[in-house]
Amino acid sequence: MAPRRRPAAGSRQLRWAVMAGVAGLAVWSLLLVAMVVTTLPGAERATVVALLAPRWPLLLLGWMLGGGLIFLALRALWAHHVQPPARLAEQVHAMLANPAPQPLAAPGTPALDALADACNALLAQRQVAEAERDAQVARASADLARERNRLASLLAQSAQSMVVCNLEGRILLYNPRARLQLRTLSSAPALADGADVVGIGRSIYGVFDQAQIQHALERVQQRLQRGAAQATAQFVTTTHGGRLLRVRLAPVLDGGQDAPEASLSGFMLTLDDVTRDFDAAAERDRWLGEATGHIGAAVQMLAGAASDLVPAAAGDSRGAAALARIQTQCAALREQNAALARHAAEGLATRWPLAAMLGGGLVGAARNRRGRAALQQQTVEPAAADLWLRVDSYL
C-alpha cells in the first residue's frame, strides 16, 4: 500500500482560510438576522419567524453558495498573490544551495518580476565575486608553489644542511645534504636512507631535544622583540653516535623579514657537523702544545749550557762574543716560543664563538672524547635537565 501523501503547507493554509471565511459568513448571517429580528415588534417578529422557518433550506443553500464564492475568491487570490512569492522563495533557497545556480524565471507579475530581476542581479554579482576569489586563490596558490619550488631549489643547491620546520616542529622542507647528514642517526640507514629520521611531516624533535629548540626559539623571540635585524641563535648538541653538531636557528616570519608586524611562523635550522674539524683542531693544538713545550725545553737547556761556558771563555774575546750571541738568540727564541703559545691560546679561545649547550650534552660529549682518548672505566653523574651552559662550540 502506497503511503499517503501529506498535503502541502500552502494547501493546508488555503483550507483553513476557506473554513474561516465560511464560518465567518455563517456568523455574520446569523448576527444580521438576529439584529433584524430584535428590532421588530412582537407580532412582526412572530410573522417573520413563521415565514422564514419553513424556508430554512433556502437559507442553508444561500450560505453554501456564499461559501463557494468565498472559496473561489480565496483560491484565486492565493494563486495570484501567495503561491508565486512562495515559489520564488523556494527557487531562491535552491539557488543559494546549488553550486552552479541558474537564473530565476519571471513569475509573471510586475512586482515579482522586479524581485526576480534583483535576485538575478545579486546572483550575477555573487558569481563574479566567486570567480574573482577563485582567481585570487589560484594566483596565491601558484605564487606559493613557485616560492616553495624556488626555496626547495635553493635548499637543494646549498652546500649546507638545511631543514625548515613550523612552530610545532614538523618538517616542511629539507635538502639532500641534511638528509645525508642526519641519516647517521637512523636505526636502519641502509634500508630507509634516513627516511625514518628526516622527512616531510616528521617531527624534528625526533632528532634534537625539544628543550634545545625551544630555548633557541625563546632567544630569537627576545631578539625580535628588541628589534634586532638578524635574530638568530645557535647551539651545539651531540648525537647518539657521539657526533658534534653545531645548529644555527633562524626565524621564518609571516609577511617576510621586512614586514612591520611580522609574526613567527616557523624556523630554519642550518646544521654543521663539526666533529672532524674539532678532531683536526684538537690534534693540531696538541701537536702545537707539544712542539712549543719541546722548543721551550731545548732553548732552556741551550741557554743553560751557554751560561755554563761563560767562565771558561772569560779570557777568550771571540768565545765570549759567540756565547753572548747564543744567549741573545736563546732569549729571542724563548720570547718567540712564548708569543707562539699565547697566539695559539688566543686563537683557540676566539676561533669559535660560545654557544648554548645543555649540561647533559656537554657531559656526554666529554665522556665520548675521554673514552676515545683513553680506554678506562668512567663514572658520570647525570646533569640537571634544565642546565644550560655557554661553552666553546668545539668544547
Protein backbone atom coordinates (compact mmCIF):
# COMPACT_ATOMS: atom_id res chain seq x y z
CA MET A 1 0.00 0.00 0.00
CA ALA A 2 1.44 3.33 -1.06
CA PRO A 3 1.99 5.82 1.72
CA ARG A 4 -0.49 8.64 1.98
CA ARG A 5 0.90 11.87 0.64
CA ARG A 6 0.88 14.67 3.13
CA PRO A 7 -0.76 17.84 1.91
CA ALA A 8 1.48 20.80 1.24
CA ALA A 9 1.68 23.62 3.73
CA GLY A 10 0.10 26.02 1.23
CA SER A 11 -2.93 23.72 0.74
CA ARG A 12 -3.45 23.48 4.48
CA GLN A 13 -3.28 27.24 4.83
CA LEU A 14 -5.80 27.69 1.98
CA ARG A 15 -8.12 25.15 3.58
CA TRP A 16 -8.00 26.90 6.91
CA ALA A 17 -8.62 30.25 5.21
CA VAL A 18 -11.72 28.89 3.39
CA MET A 19 -13.04 27.34 6.58
CA ALA A 20 -12.53 30.60 8.43
CA GLY A 21 -14.28 32.54 5.64
CA VAL A 22 -17.29 30.19 5.55
CA ALA A 23 -17.57 30.23 9.34
CA GLY A 24 -17.36 33.99 9.32
CA LEU A 25 -20.11 34.17 6.68
CA ALA A 26 -22.35 31.95 8.82
CA VAL A 27 -21.73 34.00 11.94
CA TRP A 28 -22.32 37.23 10.04
CA SER A 29 -25.59 35.91 8.57
CA LEU A 30 -26.84 34.80 11.97
CA LEU A 31 -25.92 38.12 13.54
CA LEU A 32 -27.64 40.02 10.72
CA VAL A 33 -30.84 38.01 11.11
CA ALA A 34 -30.70 38.40 14.89
CA MET A 35 -30.27 42.18 14.63
CA VAL A 36 -33.21 42.48 12.22
CA VAL A 37 -35.46 40.24 14.30
CA THR A 38 -34.69 42.01 17.58
CA THR A 39 -35.72 45.37 16.10
CA LEU A 40 -39.21 44.15 15.10
CA PRO A 41 -42.27 44.32 17.36
CA GLY A 42 -43.58 41.09 18.82
CA ALA A 43 -46.29 40.46 16.18
CA GLU A 44 -43.99 41.23 13.24
CA ARG A 45 -41.23 39.16 14.78
CA ALA A 46 -43.55 36.17 15.02
CA THR A 47 -44.66 36.73 11.42
CA VAL A 48 -41.03 36.86 10.17
CA VAL A 49 -40.11 33.74 12.10
CA ALA A 50 -43.21 31.98 10.76
CA LEU A 51 -42.27 32.98 7.21
CA LEU A 52 -38.56 32.01 7.46
CA ALA A 53 -38.88 28.79 9.45
CA PRO A 54 -40.29 26.68 6.60
CA ARG A 55 -37.70 28.14 4.22
CA TRP A 56 -34.50 27.30 6.14
CA PRO A 57 -33.21 25.04 3.32
CA LEU A 58 -33.10 28.11 1.10
CA LEU A 59 -31.09 29.94 3.74
CA LEU A 60 -28.71 26.98 4.01
CA LEU A 61 -28.34 26.85 0.23
CA GLY A 62 -27.59 30.57 0.12
CA TRP A 63 -24.97 30.14 2.84
CA MET A 64 -23.38 27.27 0.88
CA LEU A 65 -23.33 29.33 -2.31
CA GLY A 66 -21.70 32.17 -0.41
CA GLY A 67 -19.12 29.76 0.99
CA GLY A 68 -18.39 28.51 -2.53
CA LEU A 69 -17.91 32.05 -3.77
CA ILE A 70 -15.59 32.73 -0.85
CA PHE A 71 -13.59 29.58 -1.72
CA LEU A 72 -13.26 30.60 -5.37
CA ALA A 73 -12.24 34.13 -4.45
CA LEU A 74 -9.68 32.98 -1.87
CA ARG A 75 -8.24 30.39 -4.25
CA ALA A 76 -7.82 33.00 -6.97
CA LEU A 77 -6.19 35.40 -4.55
CA TRP A 78 -3.99 32.58 -3.22
CA ALA A 79 -2.90 31.54 -6.70
CA HIS A 80 -2.02 35.09 -7.76
CA HIS A 81 -0.64 36.66 -4.59
CA VAL A 82 0.55 33.91 -2.21
CA GLN A 83 1.84 30.98 -4.24
CA PRO A 84 4.14 32.95 -6.63
CA PRO A 85 6.16 34.56 -3.79
CA ALA A 86 6.39 31.19 -2.05
CA ARG A 87 7.65 29.52 -5.24
CA LEU A 88 10.09 32.38 -5.77
CA ALA A 89 11.40 31.95 -2.21
CA GLU A 90 11.90 28.21 -2.82
CA GLN A 91 13.79 28.96 -6.04
CA VAL A 92 15.99 31.47 -4.21
CA HIS A 93 16.82 28.91 -1.48
CA ALA A 94 17.58 26.29 -4.15
CA MET A 95 19.76 28.82 -5.98
CA LEU A 96 21.72 29.53 -2.80
CA ALA A 97 22.26 25.82 -2.13
CA ASN A 98 23.24 24.99 -5.72
CA PRO A 99 26.97 25.36 -6.52
CA ALA A 100 26.05 26.15 -10.15
CA PRO A 101 22.72 28.02 -9.88
CA GLN A 102 20.58 29.06 -12.82
CA PRO A 103 18.85 32.48 -13.12
CA LEU A 104 15.32 32.75 -11.75
CA ALA A 105 12.38 32.62 -14.17
CA ALA A 106 9.97 35.57 -14.21
CA PRO A 107 6.85 34.72 -12.12
CA GLY A 108 4.57 36.77 -14.39
CA THR A 109 3.57 39.65 -12.13
CA PRO A 110 5.26 43.05 -12.29
CA ALA A 111 6.23 43.17 -8.62
CA LEU A 112 7.58 39.62 -8.54
CA ASP A 113 9.31 40.08 -11.90
CA ALA A 114 11.22 43.04 -10.43
CA LEU A 115 12.10 40.95 -7.37
CA ALA A 116 13.31 38.08 -9.59
CA ASP A 117 15.44 40.52 -11.62
CA ALA A 118 17.01 41.85 -8.40
CA CYS A 119 17.78 38.28 -7.26
CA ASN A 120 19.33 37.50 -10.66
CA ALA A 121 21.46 40.65 -10.38
CA LEU A 122 22.64 39.55 -6.94
CA LEU A 123 23.37 36.09 -8.37
CA ALA A 124 25.47 37.63 -11.14
CA GLN A 125 27.41 39.73 -8.61
CA ARG A 126 27.94 36.65 -6.46
CA GLN A 127 29.25 34.66 -9.42
CA VAL A 128 31.61 37.49 -10.34
CA ALA A 129 32.85 37.72 -6.73
CA GLU A 130 33.35 33.95 -6.55
CA ALA A 131 35.21 33.98 -9.86
CA GLU A 132 37.50 36.75 -8.59
CA ARG A 133 38.02 34.89 -5.32
CA ASP A 134 38.86 31.66 -7.15
CA ALA A 135 41.25 33.57 -9.39
CA GLN A 136 42.94 35.14 -6.35
CA VAL A 137 43.19 31.76 -4.64
CA ALA A 138 44.65 30.25 -7.81
CA ARG A 139 47.19 33.07 -8.11
CA ALA A 140 48.10 32.79 -4.44
CA SER A 141 48.46 29.02 -4.75
CA ALA A 142 50.62 29.43 -7.85
CA ASP A 143 52.78 32.04 -6.10
CA LEU A 144 53.09 29.81 -3.05
CA ALA A 145 54.02 26.81 -5.17
CA ARG A 146 56.54 28.91 -7.10
CA GLU A 147 58.10 30.24 -3.90
CA ARG A 148 58.12 26.76 -2.42
CA ASN A 149 59.82 25.35 -5.51
CA ARG A 150 62.29 28.22 -5.51
CA LEU A 151 63.09 27.66 -1.86
CA ALA A 152 63.40 23.91 -2.44
CA SER A 153 65.76 24.60 -5.35
CA LEU A 154 67.87 26.94 -3.23
CA LEU A 155 67.98 24.39 -0.44
CA ALA A 156 68.97 21.64 -2.86
CA GLN A 157 71.79 23.76 -4.29
CA SER A 158 73.03 24.90 -0.89
CA ALA A 159 76.28 23.43 0.36
CA GLN A 160 74.93 23.49 3.91
CA SER A 161 72.45 21.18 5.58
CA MET A 162 69.13 23.00 6.00
CA VAL A 163 65.80 21.95 7.50
CA VAL A 164 62.67 24.17 7.54
CA CYS A 165 60.04 23.46 10.23
CA ASN A 166 56.84 25.00 11.53
CA LEU A 167 56.37 26.07 15.13
CA GLU A 168 55.13 22.60 16.09
CA GLY A 169 58.43 21.13 14.91
CA ARG A 170 57.01 19.43 11.80
CA ILE A 171 59.49 19.31 8.92
CA LEU A 172 58.29 21.28 5.88
CA LEU A 173 61.39 21.26 3.68
CA TYR A 174 64.90 19.87 3.78
CA ASN A 175 67.73 19.45 1.32
CA PRO A 176 69.56 16.24 0.39
CA ARG A 177 72.64 17.26 2.34
CA ALA A 178 70.60 17.45 5.56
CA ARG A 179 69.14 14.01 4.89
CA LEU A 180 72.61 12.63 4.19
CA GLN A 181 73.95 14.16 7.39
CA LEU A 182 71.06 13.05 9.60
CA ARG A 183 70.82 9.55 8.16
CA THR A 184 73.65 8.62 10.52
CA LEU A 185 71.07 8.87 13.31
CA SER A 186 68.77 6.34 11.63
CA SER A 187 68.34 2.89 13.12
CA ALA A 188 68.48 1.39 9.60
CA PRO A 189 70.34 3.87 7.35
CA ALA A 190 70.94 1.32 4.59
CA LEU A 191 67.27 0.39 4.28
CA ALA A 192 65.39 3.62 4.97
CA ASP A 193 68.13 6.02 3.77
CA GLY A 194 67.33 8.21 6.75
CA ALA A 195 63.60 8.48 5.97
CA ASP A 196 62.72 7.31 9.47
CA VAL A 197 64.61 10.30 10.89
CA VAL A 198 64.00 13.18 8.48
CA GLY A 199 61.02 13.51 6.14
CA ILE A 200 58.16 15.82 5.25
CA GLY A 201 55.73 15.92 8.15
CA ARG A 202 58.06 14.22 10.63
CA SER A 203 58.97 15.90 13.90
CA ILE A 204 62.39 17.46 14.23
CA TYR A 205 62.18 16.62 17.93
CA GLY A 206 62.94 13.04 16.98
CA VAL A 207 66.41 14.31 16.03
CA PHE A 208 67.07 17.11 18.52
CA ASP A 209 65.97 17.59 22.08
CA GLN A 210 62.85 19.75 22.20
CA ALA A 211 64.31 21.78 25.06
CA GLN A 212 67.21 22.86 22.84
CA ILE A 213 64.89 24.06 20.05
CA GLN A 214 62.53 25.83 22.47
CA HIS A 215 65.43 27.53 24.23
CA ALA A 216 66.79 28.80 20.91
CA LEU A 217 63.31 29.97 19.84
CA GLU A 218 62.92 31.93 23.07
CA ARG A 219 66.23 33.69 22.45
CA VAL A 220 65.19 34.51 18.88
CA GLN A 221 61.83 35.89 20.02
CA GLN A 222 63.55 38.06 22.60
CA ARG A 223 65.84 39.49 19.92
CA LEU A 224 62.87 40.09 17.61
CA GLN A 225 61.08 41.98 20.37
CA ARG A 226 64.16 44.15 20.81
CA GLY A 227 64.07 44.91 17.07
CA ALA A 228 67.20 43.02 16.08
CA ALA A 229 67.79 42.92 12.33
CA GLN A 230 69.39 39.46 12.39
CA ALA A 231 67.67 37.46 15.11
CA THR A 232 69.39 34.08 15.13
CA ALA A 233 70.53 31.62 17.75
CA GLN A 234 72.93 28.72 17.71
CA PHE A 235 73.63 25.79 19.96
CA VAL A 236 75.82 22.70 20.00
CA THR A 237 74.45 19.23 20.51
CA THR A 238 75.70 15.67 20.44
CA THR A 239 74.15 12.79 18.52
CA HIS A 240 73.70 9.23 19.67
CA GLY A 241 76.84 8.24 17.80
CA GLY A 242 78.96 10.86 19.52
CA ARG A 243 78.95 13.34 16.62
CA LEU A 244 79.06 17.05 17.36
CA LEU A 245 76.53 19.21 15.52
CA ARG A 246 76.50 22.99 15.55
CA VAL A 247 72.95 24.16 14.83
CA ARG A 248 72.02 27.69 13.76
CA LEU A 249 68.33 28.59 14.12
CA ALA A 250 66.85 31.41 12.02
CA PRO A 251 63.20 32.53 12.26
CA VAL A 252 60.65 32.22 9.45
CA LEU A 253 58.30 35.22 9.67
CA ASP A 254 54.85 35.76 8.18
CA GLY A 255 54.99 38.57 5.68
CA GLY A 256 58.75 38.38 5.25
CA GLN A 257 61.69 39.66 7.24
CA ASP A 258 60.91 43.32 6.47
CA ALA A 259 57.22 43.26 7.45
CA PRO A 260 56.49 45.69 10.32
CA GLU A 261 54.17 43.32 12.17
CA ALA A 262 55.68 40.00 11.12
CA SER A 263 54.94 37.08 13.41
CA LEU A 264 56.98 33.95 13.92
CA SER A 265 55.53 31.07 11.87
CA GLY A 266 58.43 28.62 11.85
CA PHE A 267 62.18 28.27 11.88
CA MET A 268 65.04 27.09 9.69
CA LEU A 269 67.90 25.01 11.02
CA THR A 270 71.36 25.11 9.47
CA LEU A 271 73.38 22.07 10.52
CA ASP A 272 77.13 21.79 10.60
CA ASP A 273 78.93 18.62 11.65
CA VAL A 274 81.99 19.93 13.46
CA THR A 275 83.27 16.56 14.65
CA ARG A 276 86.02 16.25 12.05
CA ASP A 277 87.02 19.89 12.38
CA PHE A 278 87.12 19.52 16.13
CA ASP A 279 89.29 16.43 15.91
CA ALA A 280 91.65 18.15 13.46
CA ALA A 281 91.82 21.30 15.59
CA ALA A 282 92.37 19.28 18.74
CA GLU A 283 95.13 17.28 17.08
CA ARG A 284 96.74 20.47 15.75
CA ASP A 285 96.54 22.12 19.15
CA ARG A 286 98.05 19.04 20.77
CA TRP A 287 100.99 18.98 18.36
CA LEU A 288 101.42 22.73 18.72
CA GLY A 289 101.44 22.43 22.50
CA GLU A 290 103.95 19.62 22.42
CA ALA A 291 106.15 21.48 19.92
CA THR A 292 106.20 24.68 21.94
CA GLY A 293 106.95 22.66 25.05
CA HIS A 294 109.85 20.83 23.42
CA ILE A 295 111.21 24.02 21.88
CA GLY A 296 110.98 25.83 25.20
CA ALA A 297 112.80 22.99 26.96
CA ALA A 298 115.50 22.85 24.27
CA VAL A 299 116.03 26.61 24.40
CA GLN A 300 116.23 26.46 28.17
CA MET A 301 118.86 23.72 28.02
CA LEU A 302 120.81 25.59 25.35
CA ALA A 303 120.72 28.79 27.39
CA GLY A 304 121.87 26.88 30.49
CA ALA A 305 124.73 25.28 28.58
CA ALA A 306 125.81 28.68 27.27
CA SER A 307 125.76 30.09 30.78
CA ASP A 308 127.99 27.23 31.97
CA LEU A 309 130.55 28.05 29.27
CA VAL A 310 130.81 31.73 30.17
CA PRO A 311 133.53 31.32 32.90
CA ALA A 312 135.65 29.13 30.61
CA ALA A 313 135.61 31.74 27.86
CA ALA A 314 136.46 34.64 30.15
CA GLY A 315 139.89 35.16 28.58
CA ASP A 316 138.80 34.49 25.02
CA SER A 317 137.10 37.50 23.45
CA ARG A 318 135.87 35.58 20.43
CA GLY A 319 134.42 32.79 22.58
CA ALA A 320 132.75 35.29 24.88
CA ALA A 321 131.19 37.08 21.89
CA ALA A 322 129.90 33.76 20.49
CA LEU A 323 128.38 32.80 23.84
CA ALA A 324 126.76 36.24 24.06
CA ARG A 325 125.23 35.77 20.63
CA ILE A 326 123.97 32.30 21.64
CA GLN A 327 122.38 33.73 24.79
CA THR A 328 120.78 36.53 22.75
CA GLN A 329 119.34 34.04 20.25
CA CYS A 330 118.09 31.83 23.08
CA ALA A 331 116.31 34.79 24.64
CA ALA A 332 114.79 35.68 21.26
CA LEU A 333 113.70 32.05 20.71
CA ARG A 334 112.23 31.96 24.21
CA GLU A 335 110.19 35.12 23.51
CA GLN A 336 109.04 33.84 20.11
CA ASN A 337 108.05 30.50 21.62
CA ALA A 338 106.07 32.26 24.37
CA ALA A 339 104.40 34.52 21.78
CA LEU A 340 103.51 31.45 19.69
CA ALA A 341 101.97 29.76 22.74
CA ARG A 342 99.97 32.89 23.59
CA HIS A 343 98.79 33.25 19.99
CA ALA A 344 97.71 29.61 19.90
CA ALA A 345 95.77 30.05 23.15
CA GLU A 346 94.09 33.21 21.88
CA GLY A 347 93.20 31.52 18.59
CA LEU A 348 91.73 28.58 20.45
CA ALA A 349 89.60 30.93 22.54
CA THR A 350 88.36 33.11 19.68
CA ARG A 351 88.22 30.66 16.78
CA TRP A 352 84.67 29.56 17.61
CA PRO A 353 82.08 31.71 19.41
CA LEU A 354 80.43 30.49 22.55
CA ALA A 355 77.15 28.67 22.03
CA ALA A 356 74.36 27.42 24.27
CA MET A 357 74.51 23.76 25.21
CA LEU A 358 72.66 21.58 27.65
CA GLY A 359 74.71 20.39 30.59
CA GLY A 360 73.82 16.79 29.78
CA GLY A 361 75.09 17.23 26.22
CA LEU A 362 78.36 18.70 27.46
CA VAL A 363 78.86 15.79 29.87
CA GLY A 364 78.08 13.29 27.10
CA ALA A 365 80.50 14.93 24.67
CA ALA A 366 83.26 14.99 27.28
CA ARG A 367 82.63 11.33 28.08
CA ASN A 368 82.87 10.38 24.39
CA ARG A 369 86.11 12.35 23.93
CA ARG A 370 87.59 10.88 27.08
CA GLY A 371 86.54 7.38 26.04
CA ARG A 372 88.31 7.72 22.70
CA ALA A 373 91.42 9.16 24.27
CA ALA A 374 91.89 6.52 26.97
CA LEU A 375 90.32 3.10 27.40
CA GLN A 376 89.39 3.24 31.05
CA GLN A 377 86.29 2.96 33.16
CA GLN A 378 84.36 6.21 33.62
CA THR A 379 81.77 7.21 36.19
CA VAL A 380 79.49 10.04 35.08
CA GLU A 381 76.78 11.58 37.22
CA PRO A 382 73.71 12.86 35.34
CA ALA A 383 73.45 16.62 34.88
CA ALA A 384 70.34 18.68 35.59
CA ALA A 385 67.83 18.50 32.76
CA ASP A 386 67.38 22.30 32.55
CA LEU A 387 71.05 23.30 32.98
CA TRP A 388 72.25 25.47 30.07
CA LEU A 389 75.88 26.49 29.60
CA ARG A 390 77.70 28.91 27.33
CA VAL A 391 80.58 26.82 26.01
CA ASP A 392 83.09 26.79 23.20
CA SER A 393 81.41 25.34 20.13
CA TYR A 394 84.33 22.92 19.94
CA LEU A 395 84.09 22.15 23.66
